[in-house]
N, C-alpha and C. Protein backbone atom coordinates (compact mmCIF):
# COMPACT_ATOMS: atom_id res chain seq x y z
N MET A 1 0.83 -1.19 0.00
CA MET A 1 0.00 0.00 0.00
C MET A 1 0.87 1.25 0.00
N ARG A 2 2.00 1.20 0.66
CA ARG A 2 2.89 2.37 0.68
C ARG A 2 3.34 2.72 -0.73
N ASP A 3 3.67 1.72 -1.54
CA ASP A 3 4.07 1.96 -2.93
C ASP A 3 2.93 2.61 -3.72
N PHE A 4 1.71 2.14 -3.48
CA PHE A 4 0.54 2.70 -4.16
C PHE A 4 0.39 4.19 -3.82
N LYS A 5 0.50 4.54 -2.55
CA LYS A 5 0.35 5.93 -2.12
C LYS A 5 1.47 6.81 -2.68
N GLN A 6 2.66 6.24 -2.82
CA GLN A 6 3.76 7.01 -3.41
C GLN A 6 3.53 7.23 -4.90
N GLN A 7 3.01 6.20 -5.57
CA GLN A 7 2.75 6.31 -7.01
C GLN A 7 1.60 7.27 -7.30
N TYR A 8 0.63 7.33 -6.40
CA TYR A 8 -0.55 8.19 -6.57
C TYR A 8 -0.66 9.12 -5.36
N PRO A 9 0.10 10.23 -5.36
CA PRO A 9 0.07 11.13 -4.21
C PRO A 9 -1.32 11.72 -3.94
N ILE A 10 -2.12 11.85 -4.99
CA ILE A 10 -3.53 12.23 -4.75
C ILE A 10 -4.35 10.96 -4.90
N HIS A 11 -4.87 10.52 -3.76
CA HIS A 11 -5.71 9.31 -3.72
C HIS A 11 -6.83 9.56 -2.72
N THR A 12 -7.91 8.87 -2.94
CA THR A 12 -9.11 9.07 -2.13
C THR A 12 -9.52 7.75 -1.52
N ALA A 13 -9.75 7.74 -0.21
CA ALA A 13 -10.22 6.54 0.49
C ALA A 13 -11.74 6.48 0.42
N ILE A 14 -12.24 5.31 0.07
CA ILE A 14 -13.69 5.10 -0.05
C ILE A 14 -14.05 3.80 0.65
N ASN A 15 -14.98 3.88 1.59
CA ASN A 15 -15.47 2.67 2.25
C ASN A 15 -16.55 2.02 1.39
N VAL A 16 -16.42 0.73 1.16
CA VAL A 16 -17.43 -0.01 0.41
C VAL A 16 -18.67 -0.16 1.29
N ALA A 17 -19.82 0.18 0.74
CA ALA A 17 -21.09 0.05 1.47
C ALA A 17 -21.75 -1.28 1.11
N TRP A 18 -22.46 -1.85 2.05
CA TRP A 18 -23.17 -3.11 1.84
C TRP A 18 -24.10 -3.01 0.62
N GLY A 19 -24.81 -1.90 0.50
CA GLY A 19 -25.78 -1.72 -0.57
C GLY A 19 -25.18 -1.56 -1.95
N GLU A 20 -23.85 -1.47 -2.06
CA GLU A 20 -23.20 -1.35 -3.36
C GLU A 20 -22.98 -2.71 -4.02
N MET A 21 -23.23 -3.77 -3.26
CA MET A 21 -23.07 -5.12 -3.83
C MET A 21 -24.35 -5.52 -4.57
N ASP A 22 -24.18 -6.38 -5.56
CA ASP A 22 -25.33 -6.83 -6.34
C ASP A 22 -25.68 -8.27 -5.98
N ALA A 23 -26.55 -8.88 -6.75
CA ALA A 23 -27.02 -10.24 -6.47
C ALA A 23 -25.89 -11.27 -6.50
N LEU A 24 -24.79 -10.95 -7.16
CA LEU A 24 -23.65 -11.86 -7.23
C LEU A 24 -22.67 -11.64 -6.08
N GLN A 25 -23.07 -10.79 -5.13
CA GLN A 25 -22.33 -10.53 -3.89
C GLN A 25 -20.96 -9.88 -4.09
N HIS A 26 -20.88 -9.01 -5.10
CA HIS A 26 -19.69 -8.17 -5.24
C HIS A 26 -20.16 -6.78 -5.66
N VAL A 27 -19.28 -5.80 -5.55
CA VAL A 27 -19.65 -4.42 -5.89
C VAL A 27 -20.09 -4.39 -7.35
N ASN A 28 -21.25 -3.80 -7.59
CA ASN A 28 -21.82 -3.70 -8.94
C ASN A 28 -20.94 -2.82 -9.82
N ASN A 29 -20.85 -3.18 -11.09
CA ASN A 29 -19.97 -2.47 -12.02
C ASN A 29 -20.26 -0.97 -12.12
N VAL A 30 -21.50 -0.57 -11.99
CA VAL A 30 -21.88 0.84 -12.11
C VAL A 30 -21.29 1.67 -10.97
N VAL A 31 -21.13 1.07 -9.81
CA VAL A 31 -20.66 1.78 -8.62
C VAL A 31 -19.26 2.34 -8.83
N TYR A 32 -18.45 1.66 -9.61
CA TYR A 32 -17.08 2.12 -9.82
C TYR A 32 -17.04 3.51 -10.47
N PHE A 33 -18.02 3.83 -11.29
CA PHE A 33 -18.06 5.16 -11.89
C PHE A 33 -18.35 6.23 -10.84
N ARG A 34 -19.09 5.88 -9.78
CA ARG A 34 -19.25 6.80 -8.65
C ARG A 34 -17.94 6.93 -7.88
N TYR A 35 -17.23 5.82 -7.71
CA TYR A 35 -15.91 5.89 -7.06
C TYR A 35 -14.98 6.81 -7.86
N PHE A 36 -14.97 6.63 -9.18
CA PHE A 36 -14.13 7.49 -10.04
C PHE A 36 -14.53 8.96 -9.87
N GLU A 37 -15.84 9.21 -9.85
CA GLU A 37 -16.32 10.59 -9.70
C GLU A 37 -15.86 11.18 -8.37
N THR A 38 -15.97 10.42 -7.30
CA THR A 38 -15.54 10.89 -5.98
C THR A 38 -14.06 11.24 -6.00
N ALA A 39 -13.24 10.37 -6.59
CA ALA A 39 -11.80 10.62 -6.67
C ALA A 39 -11.51 11.81 -7.58
N ARG A 40 -12.25 11.94 -8.67
CA ARG A 40 -12.05 13.05 -9.61
C ARG A 40 -12.35 14.38 -8.93
N ILE A 41 -13.47 14.46 -8.21
CA ILE A 41 -13.84 15.70 -7.52
C ILE A 41 -12.81 16.02 -6.43
N ASP A 42 -12.36 15.01 -5.71
CA ASP A 42 -11.32 15.21 -4.70
C ASP A 42 -10.05 15.76 -5.35
N PHE A 43 -9.65 15.17 -6.48
CA PHE A 43 -8.48 15.65 -7.22
C PHE A 43 -8.67 17.10 -7.63
N PHE A 44 -9.81 17.42 -8.23
CA PHE A 44 -10.07 18.79 -8.69
C PHE A 44 -10.04 19.77 -7.52
N ASN A 45 -10.59 19.38 -6.38
CA ASN A 45 -10.54 20.25 -5.20
C ASN A 45 -9.11 20.48 -4.74
N GLN A 46 -8.31 19.42 -4.75
CA GLN A 46 -6.93 19.54 -4.27
C GLN A 46 -6.06 20.41 -5.18
N ILE A 47 -6.37 20.44 -6.47
CA ILE A 47 -5.57 21.30 -7.37
C ILE A 47 -6.22 22.66 -7.59
N GLY A 48 -7.36 22.93 -6.96
CA GLY A 48 -8.01 24.24 -7.03
C GLY A 48 -8.91 24.47 -8.22
N LEU A 49 -9.18 23.43 -8.99
CA LEU A 49 -9.98 23.60 -10.21
C LEU A 49 -11.42 24.02 -9.92
N LEU A 50 -12.03 23.45 -8.91
CA LEU A 50 -13.43 23.77 -8.64
C LEU A 50 -13.60 25.18 -8.07
N ALA A 51 -12.62 25.66 -7.34
CA ALA A 51 -12.67 27.04 -6.85
C ALA A 51 -12.61 28.01 -8.04
N ASP A 52 -11.75 27.70 -9.01
CA ASP A 52 -11.65 28.53 -10.21
C ASP A 52 -12.95 28.51 -11.01
N LEU A 53 -13.62 27.37 -11.05
CA LEU A 53 -14.87 27.24 -11.80
C LEU A 53 -15.91 28.26 -11.32
N LYS A 54 -15.98 28.46 -10.01
CA LYS A 54 -16.95 29.41 -9.46
C LYS A 54 -16.70 30.83 -9.96
N VAL A 55 -15.43 31.16 -10.20
CA VAL A 55 -15.07 32.51 -10.63
C VAL A 55 -15.13 32.65 -12.14
N THR A 56 -14.55 31.69 -12.86
CA THR A 56 -14.39 31.82 -14.31
C THR A 56 -15.53 31.25 -15.13
N GLN A 57 -16.34 30.37 -14.52
CA GLN A 57 -17.38 29.63 -15.23
C GLN A 57 -16.80 28.71 -16.29
N VAL A 58 -15.51 28.36 -16.14
CA VAL A 58 -14.85 27.39 -17.01
C VAL A 58 -14.49 26.19 -16.15
N GLY A 59 -14.92 25.01 -16.59
CA GLY A 59 -14.67 23.82 -15.79
C GLY A 59 -14.71 22.55 -16.60
N PRO A 60 -14.53 21.44 -15.93
CA PRO A 60 -14.43 20.15 -16.61
C PRO A 60 -15.78 19.51 -16.89
N VAL A 61 -15.88 18.87 -18.05
CA VAL A 61 -16.99 17.97 -18.36
C VAL A 61 -16.37 16.65 -18.83
N ILE A 62 -17.10 15.58 -18.63
CA ILE A 62 -16.59 14.26 -19.01
C ILE A 62 -17.09 13.91 -20.40
N SER A 63 -16.15 13.59 -21.28
CA SER A 63 -16.47 13.22 -22.65
C SER A 63 -16.68 11.71 -22.78
N GLU A 64 -15.89 10.94 -22.03
CA GLU A 64 -16.06 9.49 -22.02
C GLU A 64 -15.44 8.89 -20.78
N ASN A 65 -15.95 7.72 -20.39
CA ASN A 65 -15.47 6.95 -19.24
C ASN A 65 -15.23 5.52 -19.66
N GLN A 66 -14.30 4.86 -19.00
CA GLN A 66 -14.13 3.42 -19.22
C GLN A 66 -13.61 2.79 -17.94
N ALA A 67 -13.89 1.50 -17.78
CA ALA A 67 -13.42 0.75 -16.61
C ALA A 67 -13.03 -0.66 -17.03
N ARG A 68 -12.02 -1.18 -16.36
CA ARG A 68 -11.60 -2.57 -16.53
C ARG A 68 -11.58 -3.20 -15.14
N TYR A 69 -12.37 -4.25 -14.99
CA TYR A 69 -12.52 -4.92 -13.70
C TYR A 69 -11.57 -6.11 -13.66
N LYS A 70 -10.64 -6.07 -12.72
CA LYS A 70 -9.63 -7.12 -12.62
C LYS A 70 -9.95 -8.14 -11.54
N ARG A 71 -10.56 -7.69 -10.44
CA ARG A 71 -10.88 -8.56 -9.31
C ARG A 71 -12.17 -8.05 -8.67
N PRO A 72 -13.03 -8.94 -8.20
CA PRO A 72 -14.24 -8.48 -7.53
C PRO A 72 -13.93 -7.90 -6.15
N VAL A 73 -14.74 -6.92 -5.76
CA VAL A 73 -14.62 -6.29 -4.45
C VAL A 73 -15.90 -6.58 -3.68
N THR A 74 -15.77 -6.87 -2.39
CA THR A 74 -16.93 -7.15 -1.55
C THR A 74 -16.87 -6.32 -0.27
N PHE A 75 -18.01 -6.20 0.37
CA PHE A 75 -18.12 -5.56 1.67
C PHE A 75 -17.63 -6.54 2.72
N PRO A 76 -16.94 -6.13 3.75
CA PRO A 76 -16.40 -4.80 4.01
C PRO A 76 -15.03 -4.63 3.35
N ASP A 77 -14.74 -3.44 2.94
CA ASP A 77 -13.42 -3.13 2.38
C ASP A 77 -13.28 -1.61 2.34
N THR A 78 -12.07 -1.17 2.33
CA THR A 78 -11.76 0.24 2.09
C THR A 78 -10.90 0.29 0.84
N LEU A 79 -11.30 1.12 -0.08
CA LEU A 79 -10.59 1.26 -1.35
C LEU A 79 -9.83 2.57 -1.37
N LEU A 80 -8.68 2.57 -2.00
CA LEU A 80 -7.96 3.79 -2.30
C LEU A 80 -8.03 3.97 -3.81
N VAL A 81 -8.52 5.12 -4.26
CA VAL A 81 -8.59 5.40 -5.68
C VAL A 81 -7.51 6.43 -6.00
N GLY A 82 -6.46 5.98 -6.68
CA GLY A 82 -5.37 6.85 -7.07
C GLY A 82 -5.64 7.47 -8.43
N VAL A 83 -5.26 8.74 -8.58
CA VAL A 83 -5.50 9.47 -9.82
C VAL A 83 -4.18 9.91 -10.42
N SER A 84 -4.07 9.74 -11.73
CA SER A 84 -2.95 10.31 -12.48
C SER A 84 -3.50 10.88 -13.79
N ILE A 85 -2.64 11.62 -14.48
CA ILE A 85 -3.06 12.36 -15.68
C ILE A 85 -2.15 11.99 -16.84
N SER A 86 -2.70 11.99 -18.05
CA SER A 86 -1.89 11.82 -19.27
C SER A 86 -2.58 12.54 -20.43
N ASP A 87 -1.93 12.52 -21.57
CA ASP A 87 -2.51 13.04 -22.82
C ASP A 87 -3.07 14.45 -22.68
N ILE A 88 -2.28 15.34 -22.10
CA ILE A 88 -2.71 16.72 -21.91
C ILE A 88 -2.65 17.44 -23.25
N LYS A 89 -3.79 17.98 -23.66
CA LYS A 89 -3.93 18.75 -24.90
C LYS A 89 -4.37 20.17 -24.56
N ALA A 90 -4.61 20.99 -25.55
CA ALA A 90 -4.98 22.38 -25.32
C ALA A 90 -6.27 22.53 -24.53
N ASP A 91 -7.25 21.63 -24.77
CA ASP A 91 -8.56 21.77 -24.13
C ASP A 91 -9.02 20.52 -23.39
N ARG A 92 -8.13 19.53 -23.24
CA ARG A 92 -8.56 18.26 -22.63
C ARG A 92 -7.39 17.51 -22.03
N PHE A 93 -7.72 16.51 -21.23
CA PHE A 93 -6.71 15.62 -20.65
C PHE A 93 -7.39 14.32 -20.25
N LEU A 94 -6.59 13.30 -20.04
CA LEU A 94 -7.09 11.99 -19.66
C LEU A 94 -6.76 11.74 -18.19
N MET A 95 -7.77 11.38 -17.41
CA MET A 95 -7.58 11.01 -16.00
C MET A 95 -7.59 9.50 -15.91
N HIS A 96 -6.66 8.96 -15.13
CA HIS A 96 -6.57 7.51 -14.91
C HIS A 96 -6.88 7.23 -13.45
N TYR A 97 -7.61 6.15 -13.21
CA TYR A 97 -7.98 5.73 -11.86
C TYR A 97 -7.45 4.32 -11.63
N HIS A 98 -6.83 4.12 -10.48
CA HIS A 98 -6.42 2.80 -10.04
C HIS A 98 -7.05 2.57 -8.67
N VAL A 99 -7.88 1.53 -8.58
CA VAL A 99 -8.60 1.23 -7.34
C VAL A 99 -7.87 0.11 -6.62
N TYR A 100 -7.40 0.43 -5.42
CA TYR A 100 -6.61 -0.49 -4.60
C TYR A 100 -7.46 -0.95 -3.42
N SER A 101 -7.62 -2.26 -3.26
CA SER A 101 -8.37 -2.84 -2.15
C SER A 101 -7.44 -3.07 -0.97
N GLN A 102 -7.79 -2.48 0.17
CA GLN A 102 -6.98 -2.73 1.36
C GLN A 102 -7.14 -4.17 1.84
N SER A 103 -8.32 -4.76 1.67
CA SER A 103 -8.53 -6.16 2.08
C SER A 103 -7.70 -7.12 1.24
N GLN A 104 -7.65 -6.87 -0.07
CA GLN A 104 -6.95 -7.78 -0.97
C GLN A 104 -5.48 -7.39 -1.17
N GLN A 105 -5.12 -6.16 -0.77
CA GLN A 105 -3.76 -5.65 -0.98
C GLN A 105 -3.38 -5.74 -2.46
N ALA A 106 -4.32 -5.32 -3.31
CA ALA A 106 -4.11 -5.40 -4.77
C ALA A 106 -4.99 -4.38 -5.48
N VAL A 107 -4.58 -4.03 -6.69
CA VAL A 107 -5.40 -3.19 -7.56
C VAL A 107 -6.50 -4.07 -8.13
N THR A 108 -7.74 -3.63 -7.96
CA THR A 108 -8.88 -4.43 -8.40
C THR A 108 -9.52 -3.91 -9.67
N THR A 109 -9.38 -2.61 -9.92
CA THR A 109 -10.06 -1.98 -11.04
C THR A 109 -9.22 -0.83 -11.55
N ILE A 110 -9.20 -0.65 -12.87
CA ILE A 110 -8.55 0.52 -13.46
C ILE A 110 -9.56 1.17 -14.40
N GLY A 111 -9.43 2.46 -14.57
CA GLY A 111 -10.35 3.16 -15.45
C GLY A 111 -9.79 4.48 -15.89
N SER A 112 -10.56 5.17 -16.72
CA SER A 112 -10.12 6.48 -17.19
C SER A 112 -11.33 7.31 -17.59
N SER A 113 -11.10 8.63 -17.62
CA SER A 113 -12.10 9.58 -18.08
C SER A 113 -11.41 10.60 -18.96
N LEU A 114 -12.02 10.91 -20.09
CA LEU A 114 -11.55 12.00 -20.92
C LEU A 114 -12.26 13.26 -20.44
N VAL A 115 -11.48 14.23 -19.98
CA VAL A 115 -12.01 15.46 -19.41
C VAL A 115 -11.77 16.59 -20.40
N VAL A 116 -12.83 17.29 -20.75
CA VAL A 116 -12.75 18.42 -21.67
C VAL A 116 -13.14 19.67 -20.89
N MET A 117 -12.37 20.73 -21.07
CA MET A 117 -12.70 21.99 -20.41
C MET A 117 -13.81 22.69 -21.19
N PHE A 118 -14.73 23.29 -20.45
CA PHE A 118 -15.94 23.85 -21.04
C PHE A 118 -16.25 25.19 -20.40
N ASN A 119 -16.58 26.16 -21.24
CA ASN A 119 -16.99 27.48 -20.76
C ASN A 119 -18.51 27.47 -20.64
N PHE A 120 -19.00 27.49 -19.42
CA PHE A 120 -20.44 27.38 -19.18
C PHE A 120 -21.19 28.67 -19.53
N LYS A 121 -20.49 29.79 -19.67
CA LYS A 121 -21.12 31.04 -20.10
C LYS A 121 -21.39 31.02 -21.59
N THR A 122 -20.40 30.56 -22.38
CA THR A 122 -20.52 30.60 -23.84
C THR A 122 -21.06 29.30 -24.43
N GLY A 123 -20.99 28.21 -23.66
CA GLY A 123 -21.41 26.91 -24.18
C GLY A 123 -20.41 26.31 -25.15
N GLN A 124 -19.15 26.73 -25.04
CA GLN A 124 -18.10 26.26 -25.95
C GLN A 124 -16.96 25.61 -25.16
N LYS A 125 -16.16 24.81 -25.88
CA LYS A 125 -14.95 24.28 -25.26
C LYS A 125 -14.04 25.43 -24.88
N ALA A 126 -13.17 25.18 -23.90
CA ALA A 126 -12.23 26.21 -23.42
C ALA A 126 -10.84 25.61 -23.33
N VAL A 127 -9.84 26.46 -23.38
CA VAL A 127 -8.46 25.98 -23.26
C VAL A 127 -8.08 25.89 -21.79
N LEU A 128 -7.12 25.02 -21.50
CA LEU A 128 -6.57 24.88 -20.16
C LEU A 128 -5.72 26.10 -19.86
N ASP A 129 -5.91 26.72 -18.70
CA ASP A 129 -5.08 27.88 -18.37
C ASP A 129 -3.73 27.42 -17.78
N GLY A 130 -2.82 28.36 -17.65
CA GLY A 130 -1.46 28.05 -17.22
C GLY A 130 -1.37 27.40 -15.86
N GLN A 131 -2.16 27.87 -14.90
CA GLN A 131 -2.13 27.31 -13.55
C GLN A 131 -2.63 25.87 -13.56
N LEU A 132 -3.69 25.60 -14.31
CA LEU A 132 -4.22 24.25 -14.40
C LEU A 132 -3.23 23.34 -15.12
N LEU A 133 -2.65 23.83 -16.20
CA LEU A 133 -1.64 23.03 -16.92
C LEU A 133 -0.50 22.63 -16.00
N GLU A 134 -0.04 23.55 -15.19
CA GLU A 134 1.06 23.27 -14.26
C GLU A 134 0.66 22.17 -13.27
N ALA A 135 -0.54 22.28 -12.72
CA ALA A 135 -1.02 21.28 -11.76
C ALA A 135 -1.17 19.91 -12.43
N LEU A 136 -1.70 19.88 -13.65
CA LEU A 136 -1.88 18.61 -14.35
C LEU A 136 -0.54 17.95 -14.66
N HIS A 137 0.42 18.75 -15.10
CA HIS A 137 1.74 18.18 -15.40
C HIS A 137 2.41 17.60 -14.17
N LYS A 138 2.11 18.15 -13.01
CA LYS A 138 2.68 17.63 -11.75
C LYS A 138 2.27 16.18 -11.52
N TYR A 139 1.07 15.81 -11.96
CA TYR A 139 0.55 14.46 -11.75
C TYR A 139 0.47 13.66 -13.04
N SER A 140 1.21 14.11 -14.06
CA SER A 140 1.17 13.46 -15.38
C SER A 140 2.06 12.24 -15.44
N GLN A 141 1.56 11.21 -16.11
CA GLN A 141 2.34 10.00 -16.38
C GLN A 141 3.22 10.20 -17.60
N ASP A 142 2.94 11.24 -18.41
CA ASP A 142 3.68 11.46 -19.64
C ASP A 142 5.05 12.08 -19.39
N ASP A 143 5.20 12.80 -18.26
CA ASP A 143 6.44 13.53 -17.99
C ASP A 143 7.54 12.62 -17.49
């Protein structure tokens, strides 16, 4: 787990709830997208993106999501969702999620989201500003 936390300095702890399991007695596949969202919002808060959104009306929207399930997760467990960044372009970037099970001591799920910056005043795509670019590069796998 120490290696995981070093590899993903921004990570979010999530407790698995009993109600997140399905009839097959493991966490339902849809729930992982909520886990990704929780980690994504935590990441955005930590780099100041959501505070900027309130002022500039420019913020992230999700263009696509994907998940790959490697191992089933069951209640009780605490998951760490690590976030990293790649493929930084003028108006978009790719977020990667690695879900680590403390019970299993292993990565159980990986996923990604394509994030596009959007100007909510104009209804158009927006470019990444310098401060955001700097923060994204800090957590980039490409560098």
